[in-house]
PDB file of all heavy atoms in Angstrom:
ATOM      1  N   TYR A   1     -14.920  -1.534  -6.774  1.00  0.00           N
ATOM      2  CA  TYR A   1     -16.380  -1.357  -6.669  1.00  0.00           C
ATOM      3  C   TYR A   1     -17.065  -2.000  -7.890  1.00  0.00           C
ATOM      4  O   TYR A   1     -16.642  -1.960  -8.965  1.00  0.00           O
ATOM      5  CB  TYR A   1     -16.713   0.124  -6.524  1.00  0.00           C
ATOM      6  CG  TYR A   1     -15.915   0.807  -5.414  1.00  0.00           C
ATOM      7  CD1 TYR A   1     -14.704   1.472  -5.758  1.00  0.00           C
ATOM      8  CD2 TYR A   1     -16.348   0.753  -4.128  1.00  0.00           C
ATOM      9  CE1 TYR A   1     -13.942   2.051  -4.725  1.00  0.00           C
ATOM     10  CE2 TYR A   1     -15.618   1.312  -3.137  1.00  0.00           C
ATOM     11  CZ  TYR A   1     -14.414   2.008  -3.434  1.00  0.00           C
ATOM     12  OH  TYR A   1     -13.693   2.566  -2.390  1.00  0.00           O
ATOM     13  N   LYS A   2     -18.280  -2.487  -7.548  1.00  0.00           N
ATOM     14  CA  LYS A   2     -19.176  -3.110  -8.598  1.00  0.00           C
ATOM     15  C   LYS A   2     -20.640  -2.742  -8.305  1.00  0.00           C
ATOM     16  O   LYS A   2     -20.925  -2.333  -7.167  1.00  0.00           O
ATOM     17  CB  LYS A   2     -18.984  -4.605  -8.583  1.00  0.00           C
ATOM     18  CG  LYS A   2     -19.396  -5.315  -7.337  1.00  0.00           C
ATOM     19  CD  LYS A   2     -19.187  -6.817  -7.429  1.00  0.00           C
ATOM     20  CE  LYS A   2     -19.719  -7.512  -6.182  1.00  0.00           C
ATOM     21  NZ  LYS A   2     -19.502  -9.005  -6.272  1.00  0.00           N
ATOM     22  N   THR A   3     -21.422  -2.921  -9.316  1.00  0.00           N
ATOM     23  CA  THR A   3     -22.875  -2.659  -9.266  1.00  0.00           C
ATOM     24  C   THR A   3     -23.181  -1.134  -9.215  1.00  0.00           C
ATOM     25  O   THR A   3     -22.291  -0.358  -8.753  1.00  0.00           O
ATOM     26  CB  THR A   3     -23.648  -3.331  -8.081  1.00  0.00           C
ATOM     27  OG1 THR A   3     -23.422  -2.577  -6.907  1.00  0.00           O
ATOM     28  CG2 THR A   3     -23.189  -4.742  -7.903  1.00  0.00           C
ATOM     29  N   PRO A   4     -24.336  -0.727  -9.668  1.00  0.00           N
ATOM     30  CA  PRO A   4     -24.635   0.770  -9.631  1.00  0.00           C
ATOM     31  C   PRO A   4     -24.631   1.345  -8.230  1.00  0.00           C
ATOM     32  O   PRO A   4     -24.372   2.546  -8.078  1.00  0.00           O
ATOM     33  CB  PRO A   4     -26.030   0.747 -10.179  1.00  0.00           C
ATOM     34  CG  PRO A   4     -26.172  -0.443 -11.118  1.00  0.00           C
ATOM     35  CD  PRO A   4     -25.355  -1.520 -10.379  1.00  0.00           C
ATOM     36  N   GLU A   5     -24.780   0.475  -7.185  1.00  0.00           N
ATOM     37  CA  GLU A   5     -24.723   0.960  -5.818  1.00  0.00           C
ATOM     38  C   GLU A   5     -23.283   1.094  -5.333  1.00  0.00           C
ATOM     39  O   GLU A   5     -23.067   1.561  -4.184  1.00  0.00           O
ATOM     40  CB  GLU A   5     -25.510   0.004  -4.876  1.00  0.00           C
ATOM     41  CG  GLU A   5     -26.998   0.034  -5.104  1.00  0.00           C
ATOM     42  CD  GLU A   5     -27.417  -0.665  -6.366  1.00  0.00           C
ATOM     43  OE1 GLU A   5     -26.694  -1.584  -6.824  1.00  0.00           O
ATOM     44  OE2 GLU A   5     -28.461  -0.345  -6.933  1.00  0.00           O
ATOM     45  N   LYS A   6     -22.326   0.722  -6.132  1.00  0.00           N
ATOM     46  CA  LYS A   6     -20.908   0.877  -5.772  1.00  0.00           C
ATOM     47  C   LYS A   6     -20.557   0.007  -4.571  1.00  0.00           C
ATOM     48  O   LYS A   6     -20.041   0.485  -3.564  1.00  0.00           O
ATOM     49  CB  LYS A   6     -20.472   2.304  -5.598  1.00  0.00           C
ATOM     50  CG  LYS A   6     -18.975   2.494  -5.914  1.00  0.00           C
ATOM     51  CD  LYS A   6     -18.567   3.957  -6.038  1.00  0.00           C
ATOM     52  CE  LYS A   6     -17.150   4.097  -6.540  1.00  0.00           C
ATOM     53  NZ  LYS A   6     -16.777   5.474  -6.656  1.00  0.00           N
ATOM     54  N   VAL A   7     -20.898  -1.263  -4.613  1.00  0.00           N
ATOM     55  CA  VAL A   7     -20.621  -2.182  -3.579  1.00  0.00           C
ATOM     56  C   VAL A   7     -19.062  -2.475  -3.531  1.00  0.00           C
ATOM     57  O   VAL A   7     -18.450  -2.677  -4.608  1.00  0.00           O
ATOM     58  CB  VAL A   7     -21.348  -3.504  -3.746  1.00  0.00           C
ATOM     59  CG1 VAL A   7     -20.918  -4.571  -2.724  1.00  0.00           C
ATOM     60  CG2 VAL A   7     -22.840  -3.264  -3.645  1.00  0.00           C
ATOM     61  N   ALA A   8     -18.455  -2.423  -2.326  1.00  0.00           N
ATOM     62  CA  ALA A   8     -17.002  -2.589  -2.225  1.00  0.00           C
ATOM     63  C   ALA A   8     -16.601  -4.042  -2.397  1.00  0.00           C
ATOM     64  O   ALA A   8     -17.219  -4.976  -1.952  1.00  0.00           O
ATOM     65  CB  ALA A   8     -16.531  -2.077  -0.910  1.00  0.00           C
ATOM     66  N   VAL A   9     -15.400  -4.208  -3.018  1.00  0.00           N
ATOM     67  CA  VAL A   9     -14.733  -5.511  -3.087  1.00  0.00           C
ATOM     68  C   VAL A   9     -13.327  -5.313  -2.608  1.00  0.00           C
ATOM     69  O   VAL A   9     -12.675  -4.367  -3.015  1.00  0.00           O
ATOM     70  CB  VAL A   9     -14.736  -6.043  -4.533  1.00  0.00           C
ATOM     71  CG1 VAL A   9     -14.085  -7.408  -4.591  1.00  0.00           C
ATOM     72  CG2 VAL A   9     -16.134  -6.055  -5.108  1.00  0.00           C
ATOM     73  N   HIS A  10     -12.801  -6.235  -1.786  1.00  0.00           N
ATOM     74  CA  HIS A  10     -11.472  -6.058  -1.157  1.00  0.00           C
ATOM     75  C   HIS A  10     -10.492  -7.085  -1.628  1.00  0.00           C
ATOM     76  O   HIS A  10     -10.858  -8.214  -1.916  1.00  0.00           O
ATOM     77  CB  HIS A  10     -11.662  -6.082   0.366  1.00  0.00           C
ATOM     78  CG  HIS A  10     -12.635  -5.118   0.928  1.00  0.00           C
ATOM     79  ND1 HIS A  10     -12.359  -3.729   0.974  1.00  0.00           N
ATOM     80  CD2 HIS A  10     -13.884  -5.286   1.398  1.00  0.00           C
ATOM     81  CE1 HIS A  10     -13.437  -3.166   1.473  1.00  0.00           C
ATOM     82  NE2 HIS A  10     -14.344  -4.023   1.758  1.00  0.00           N
ATOM     83  N   GLY A  11      -9.234  -6.716  -1.641  1.00  0.00           N
ATOM     84  CA  GLY A  11      -8.200  -7.656  -2.033  1.00  0.00           C
ATOM     85  C   GLY A  11      -6.799  -7.098  -1.682  1.00  0.00           C
ATOM     86  O   GLY A  11      -6.709  -6.061  -1.024  1.00  0.00           O
ATOM     87  N   SER A  12      -5.791  -7.789  -2.150  1.00  0.00           N
ATOM     88  CA  SER A  12      -4.395  -7.383  -1.822  1.00  0.00           C
ATOM     89  C   SER A  12      -3.397  -8.046  -2.792  1.00  0.00           C
ATOM     90  O   SER A  12      -3.775  -8.890  -3.575  1.00  0.00           O
ATOM     91  CB  SER A  12      -4.020  -7.793  -0.398  1.00  0.00           C
ATOM     92  OG  SER A  12      -4.052  -9.166  -0.302  1.00  0.00           O
ATOM     93  N   PHE A  13      -2.155  -7.589  -2.733  1.00  0.00           N
ATOM     94  CA  PHE A  13      -1.067  -8.241  -3.392  1.00  0.00           C
ATOM     95  C   PHE A  13      -0.150  -8.803  -2.304  1.00  0.00           C
ATOM     96  O   PHE A  13       0.085  -8.150  -1.291  1.00  0.00           O
ATOM     97  CB  PHE A  13      -0.236  -7.302  -4.240  1.00  0.00           C
ATOM     98  CG  PHE A  13      -0.918  -6.884  -5.530  1.00  0.00           C
ATOM     99  CD1 PHE A  13      -1.439  -5.621  -5.707  1.00  0.00           C
ATOM    100  CD2 PHE A  13      -1.005  -7.752  -6.595  1.00  0.00           C
ATOM    101  CE1 PHE A  13      -2.092  -5.233  -6.862  1.00  0.00           C
ATOM    102  CE2 PHE A  13      -1.610  -7.351  -7.782  1.00  0.00           C
ATOM    103  CZ  PHE A  13      -2.186  -6.120  -7.912  1.00  0.00           C
ATOM    104  N   ASP A  14       0.333 -10.006  -2.484  1.00  0.00           N
ATOM    105  CA  ASP A  14       1.112 -10.680  -1.416  1.00  0.00           C
ATOM    106  C   ASP A  14       2.620 -10.619  -1.683  1.00  0.00           C
ATOM    107  O   ASP A  14       3.403 -10.866  -0.811  1.00  0.00           O
ATOM    108  CB  ASP A  14       0.694 -12.166  -1.309  1.00  0.00           C
ATOM    109  CG  ASP A  14      -0.652 -12.300  -0.686  1.00  0.00           C
ATOM    110  OD1 ASP A  14      -1.085 -11.352  -0.035  1.00  0.00           O
ATOM    111  OD2 ASP A  14      -1.259 -13.382  -0.866  1.00  0.00           O
ATOM    112  N   ASN A  15       3.028 -10.307  -2.971  1.00  0.00           N
ATOM    113  CA  ASN A  15       4.426 -10.307  -3.284  1.00  0.00           C
ATOM    114  C   ASN A  15       4.885  -8.979  -3.884  1.00  0.00           C
ATOM    115  O   ASN A  15       4.651  -8.686  -5.011  1.00  0.00           O
ATOM    116  CB  ASN A  15       4.744 -11.444  -4.295  1.00  0.00           C
ATOM    117  CG  ASN A  15       6.222 -11.644  -4.465  1.00  0.00           C
ATOM    118  OD1 ASN A  15       7.049 -11.000  -3.827  1.00  0.00           O
ATOM    119  ND2 ASN A  15       6.621 -12.542  -5.399  1.00  0.00           N
ATOM    120  N   ILE A  16       5.469  -8.220  -2.993  1.00  0.00           N
ATOM    121  CA  ILE A  16       5.969  -6.882  -3.413  1.00  0.00           C
ATOM    122  C   ILE A  16       7.383  -6.709  -2.853  1.00  0.00           C
ATOM    123  O   ILE A  16       7.653  -6.863  -1.695  1.00  0.00           O
ATOM    124  CB  ILE A  16       5.074  -5.756  -2.895  1.00  0.00           C
ATOM    125  CG1 ILE A  16       3.639  -5.989  -3.353  1.00  0.00           C
ATOM    126  CG2 ILE A  16       5.557  -4.386  -3.358  1.00  0.00           C
ATOM    127  CD1 ILE A  16       2.616  -5.109  -2.632  1.00  0.00           C
ATOM    128  N   GLU A  17       8.270  -6.314  -3.733  1.00  0.00           N
ATOM    129  CA  GLU A  17       9.660  -6.016  -3.351  1.00  0.00           C
ATOM    130  C   GLU A  17       9.851  -4.531  -3.193  1.00  0.00           C
ATOM    131  O   GLU A  17       9.549  -3.745  -4.088  1.00  0.00           O
ATOM    132  CB  GLU A  17      10.657  -6.595  -4.348  1.00  0.00           C
ATOM    133  CG  GLU A  17      12.082  -6.410  -3.977  1.00  0.00           C
ATOM    134  CD  GLU A  17      13.059  -7.018  -5.005  1.00  0.00           C
ATOM    135  OE1 GLU A  17      12.578  -7.361  -6.093  1.00  0.00           O
ATOM    136  OE2 GLU A  17      14.240  -7.124  -4.650  1.00  0.00           O
ATOM    137  N   VAL A  18      10.410  -4.087  -2.073  1.00  0.00           N
ATOM    138  CA  VAL A  18      10.660  -2.678  -1.809  1.00  0.00           C
ATOM    139  C   VAL A  18      12.166  -2.474  -1.588  1.00  0.00           C
ATOM    140  O   VAL A  18      12.741  -3.175  -0.779  1.00  0.00           O
ATOM    141  CB  VAL A  18       9.872  -2.128  -0.617  1.00  0.00           C
ATOM    142  CG1 VAL A  18      10.091  -0.656  -0.397  1.00  0.00           C
ATOM    143  CG2 VAL A  18       8.370  -2.429  -0.821  1.00  0.00           C
ATOM    144  N   LYS A  19      12.755  -1.587  -2.332  1.00  0.00           N
ATOM    145  CA  LYS A  19      14.168  -1.347  -2.242  1.00  0.00           C
ATOM    146  C   LYS A  19      14.507   0.110  -1.846  1.00  0.00           C
ATOM    147  O   LYS A  19      13.618   0.981  -2.032  1.00  0.00           O
ATOM    148  CB  LYS A  19      14.860  -1.639  -3.568  1.00  0.00           C
ATOM    149  CG  LYS A  19      14.783  -3.087  -3.999  1.00  0.00           C
ATOM    150  CD  LYS A  19      15.485  -3.274  -5.360  1.00  0.00           C
ATOM    151  CE  LYS A  19      15.449  -4.680  -5.824  1.00  0.00           C
ATOM    152  NZ  LYS A  19      16.181  -4.894  -7.123  1.00  0.00           N
ATOM    153  N   ASP A  20      15.653   0.347  -1.347  1.00  0.00           N
ATOM    154  CA  ASP A  20      16.176   1.672  -1.060  1.00  0.00           C
ATOM    155  C   ASP A  20      15.408   2.422   0.062  1.00  0.00           C
ATOM    156  O   ASP A  20      15.239   3.635   0.020  1.00  0.00           O
ATOM    157  CB  ASP A  20      16.211   2.581  -2.332  1.00  0.00           C
ATOM    158  CG  ASP A  20      17.025   1.892  -3.433  1.00  0.00           C
ATOM    159  OD1 ASP A  20      18.076   1.363  -3.101  1.00  0.00           O
ATOM    160  OD2 ASP A  20      16.609   1.977  -4.607  1.00  0.00           O
ATOM    161  N   THR A  21      14.901   1.675   1.031  1.00  0.00           N
ATOM    162  CA  THR A  21      14.373   2.364   2.175  1.00  0.00           C
ATOM    163  C   THR A  21      15.503   2.799   3.084  1.00  0.00           C
ATOM    164  O   THR A  21      16.662   2.438   2.929  1.00  0.00           O
ATOM    165  CB  THR A  21      13.469   1.375   2.979  1.00  0.00           C
ATOM    166  OG1 THR A  21      14.206   0.272   3.489  1.00  0.00           O
ATOM    167  CG2 THR A  21      12.300   0.840   2.077  1.00  0.00           C
ATOM    168  N   LYS A  22      15.173   3.645   4.027  1.00  0.00           N
ATOM    169  CA  LYS A  22      16.178   4.272   4.890  1.00  0.00           C
ATOM    170  C   LYS A  22      15.885   4.019   6.350  1.00  0.00           C
ATOM    171  O   LYS A  22      14.702   3.729   6.750  1.00  0.00           O
ATOM    172  CB  LYS A  22      16.300   5.777   4.685  1.00  0.00           C
ATOM    173  CG  LYS A  22      16.534   6.190   3.247  1.00  0.00           C
ATOM    174  CD  LYS A  22      16.611   7.738   3.184  1.00  0.00           C
ATOM    175  CE  LYS A  22      16.811   8.214   1.761  1.00  0.00           C
ATOM    176  NZ  LYS A  22      15.560   8.021   0.902  1.00  0.00           N
ATOM    177  N   GLU A  23      16.930   4.042   7.156  1.00  0.00           N
ATOM    178  CA  GLU A  23      16.781   4.103   8.641  1.00  0.00           C
ATOM    179  C   GLU A  23      16.925   5.567   9.045  1.00  0.00           C
ATOM    180  O   GLU A  23      17.864   6.224   8.687  1.00  0.00           O
ATOM    181  CB  GLU A  23      17.805   3.234   9.335  1.00  0.00           C
ATOM    182  CG  GLU A  23      17.725   1.775   8.953  1.00  0.00           C
ATOM    183  CD  GLU A  23      18.805   0.953   9.571  1.00  0.00           C
ATOM    184  OE1 GLU A  23      19.675   1.551  10.336  1.00  0.00           O
ATOM    185  OE2 GLU A  23      18.856  -0.287   9.322  1.00  0.00           O
ATOM    186  N   SER A  24      15.914   6.064   9.800  1.00  0.00           N
ATOM    187  CA  SER A  24      15.946   7.506  10.170  1.00  0.00           C
ATOM    188  C   SER A  24      15.119   7.717  11.371  1.00  0.00           C
ATOM    189  O   SER A  24      14.233   6.994  11.739  1.00  0.00           O
ATOM    190  CB  SER A  24      15.386   8.303   8.983  1.00  0.00           C
ATOM    191  OG  SER A  24      15.334   9.696   9.319  1.00  0.00           O
ATOM    192  N   ASN A  25      15.500   8.836  12.109  1.00  0.00           N
ATOM    193  CA  ASN A  25      14.673   9.237  13.213  1.00  0.00           C
ATOM    194  C   ASN A  25      13.597  10.205  12.807  1.00  0.00           C
ATOM    195  O   ASN A  25      12.814  10.745  13.586  1.00  0.00           O
ATOM    196  CB  ASN A  25      15.523   9.942  14.301  1.00  0.00           C
ATOM    197  CG  ASN A  25      16.248  11.140  13.788  1.00  0.00           C
ATOM    198  OD1 ASN A  25      16.427  11.324  12.601  1.00  0.00           O
ATOM    199  ND2 ASN A  25      16.746  11.955  14.712  1.00  0.00           N
ATOM    200  N   ILE A  26      13.546  10.503  11.479  1.00  0.00           N
ATOM    201  CA  ILE A  26      12.501  11.311  10.870  1.00  0.00           C
ATOM    202  C   ILE A  26      11.654  10.378  10.068  1.00  0.00           C
ATOM    203  O   ILE A  26      12.073   9.879   9.000  1.00  0.00           O
ATOM    204  CB  ILE A  26      13.075  12.452  10.003  1.00  0.00           C
ATOM    205  CG1 ILE A  26      14.035  13.292  10.824  1.00  0.00           C
ATOM    206  CG2 ILE A  26      11.962  13.223   9.328  1.00  0.00           C
ATOM    207  CD1 ILE A  26      14.755  14.343   9.933  1.00  0.00           C
ATOM    208  N   PRO A  27      10.428  10.087  10.478  1.00  0.00           N
ATOM    209  CA  PRO A  27       9.642   9.051   9.802  1.00  0.00           C
ATOM    210  C   PRO A  27       9.349   9.324   8.364  1.00  0.00           C
ATOM    211  O   PRO A  27       9.240   8.344   7.529  1.00  0.00           O
ATOM    212  CB  PRO A  27       8.285   9.017  10.609  1.00  0.00           C
ATOM    213  CG  PRO A  27       8.259  10.286  11.372  1.00  0.00           C
ATOM    214  CD  PRO A  27       9.727  10.656  11.655  1.00  0.00           C
ATOM    215  N   GLU A  28       9.272  10.591   7.922  1.00  0.00           N
ATOM    216  CA  GLU A  28       9.026  10.913   6.511  1.00  0.00           C
ATOM    217  C   GLU A  28      10.163  10.470   5.583  1.00  0.00           C
ATOM    218  O   GLU A  28       9.910  10.333   4.400  1.00  0.00           O
ATOM    219  CB  GLU A  28       8.823  12.429   6.359  1.00  0.00           C
ATOM    220  CG  GLU A  28       7.447  12.940   6.790  1.00  0.00           C
ATOM    221  CD  GLU A  28       7.362  13.235   8.240  1.00  0.00           C
ATOM    222  OE1 GLU A  28       8.374  12.957   8.957  1.00  0.00           O
ATOM    223  OE2 GLU A  28       6.331  13.776   8.702  1.00  0.00           O
ATOM    224  N   GLU A  29      11.329  10.232   6.177  1.00  0.00           N
ATOM    225  CA  GLU A  29      12.502   9.958   5.317  1.00  0.00           C
ATOM    226  C   GLU A  29      12.591   8.463   5.033  1.00  0.00           C
ATOM    227  O   GLU A  29      13.335   8.025   4.080  1.00  0.00           O
ATOM    228  CB  GLU A  29      13.729  10.408   5.951  1.00  0.00           C
ATOM    229  CG  GLU A  29      13.871  11.916   6.077  1.00  0.00           C
ATOM    230  CD  GLU A  29      15.161  12.343   6.722  1.00  0.00           C
ATOM    231  OE1 GLU A  29      15.900  11.484   7.176  1.00  0.00           O
ATOM    232  OE2 GLU A  29      15.473  13.571   6.701  1.00  0.00           O
ATOM    233  N   ILE A  30      11.886   7.598   5.712  1.00  0.00           N
ATOM    234  CA  ILE A  30      12.127   6.145   5.640  1.00  0.00           C
ATOM    235  C   ILE A  30      11.766   5.586   4.285  1.00  0.00           C
ATOM    236  O   ILE A  30      12.543   4.729   3.726  1.00  0.00           O
ATOM    237  CB  ILE A  30      11.302   5.453   6.764  1.00  0.00           C
ATOM    238  CG1 ILE A  30      11.863   5.859   8.134  1.00  0.00           C
ATOM    239  CG2 ILE A  30      11.393   3.922   6.600  1.00  0.00           C
ATOM    240  CD1 ILE A  30      11.025   5.378   9.319  1.00  0.00           C
ATOM    241  N   LEU A  31      10.694   6.036   3.641  1.00  0.00           N
ATOM    242  CA  LEU A  31      10.267   5.515   2.395  1.00  0.00           C
ATOM    243  C   LEU A  31      10.534   6.511   1.242  1.00  0.00           C
ATOM    244  O   LEU A  31      10.258   6.183   0.064  1.00  0.00           O
ATOM    245  CB  LEU A  31       8.786   5.145   2.371  1.00  0.00           C
ATOM    246  CG  LEU A  31       8.389   3.884   3.196  1.00  0.00           C
ATOM    247  CD1 LEU A  31       6.873   3.735   3.245  1.00  0.00           C
ATOM    248  CD2 LEU A  31       9.050   2.650   2.508  1.00  0.00           C
TER     249      LEU A  31
END
């Protein structure tokens, strides 16, 4: 956010490595 009116600015990261995820029938366990 910027300016006193708190105008939104959007962005992202394109390169993220994620390790040690799981396969599961319980969705809470995957990450």
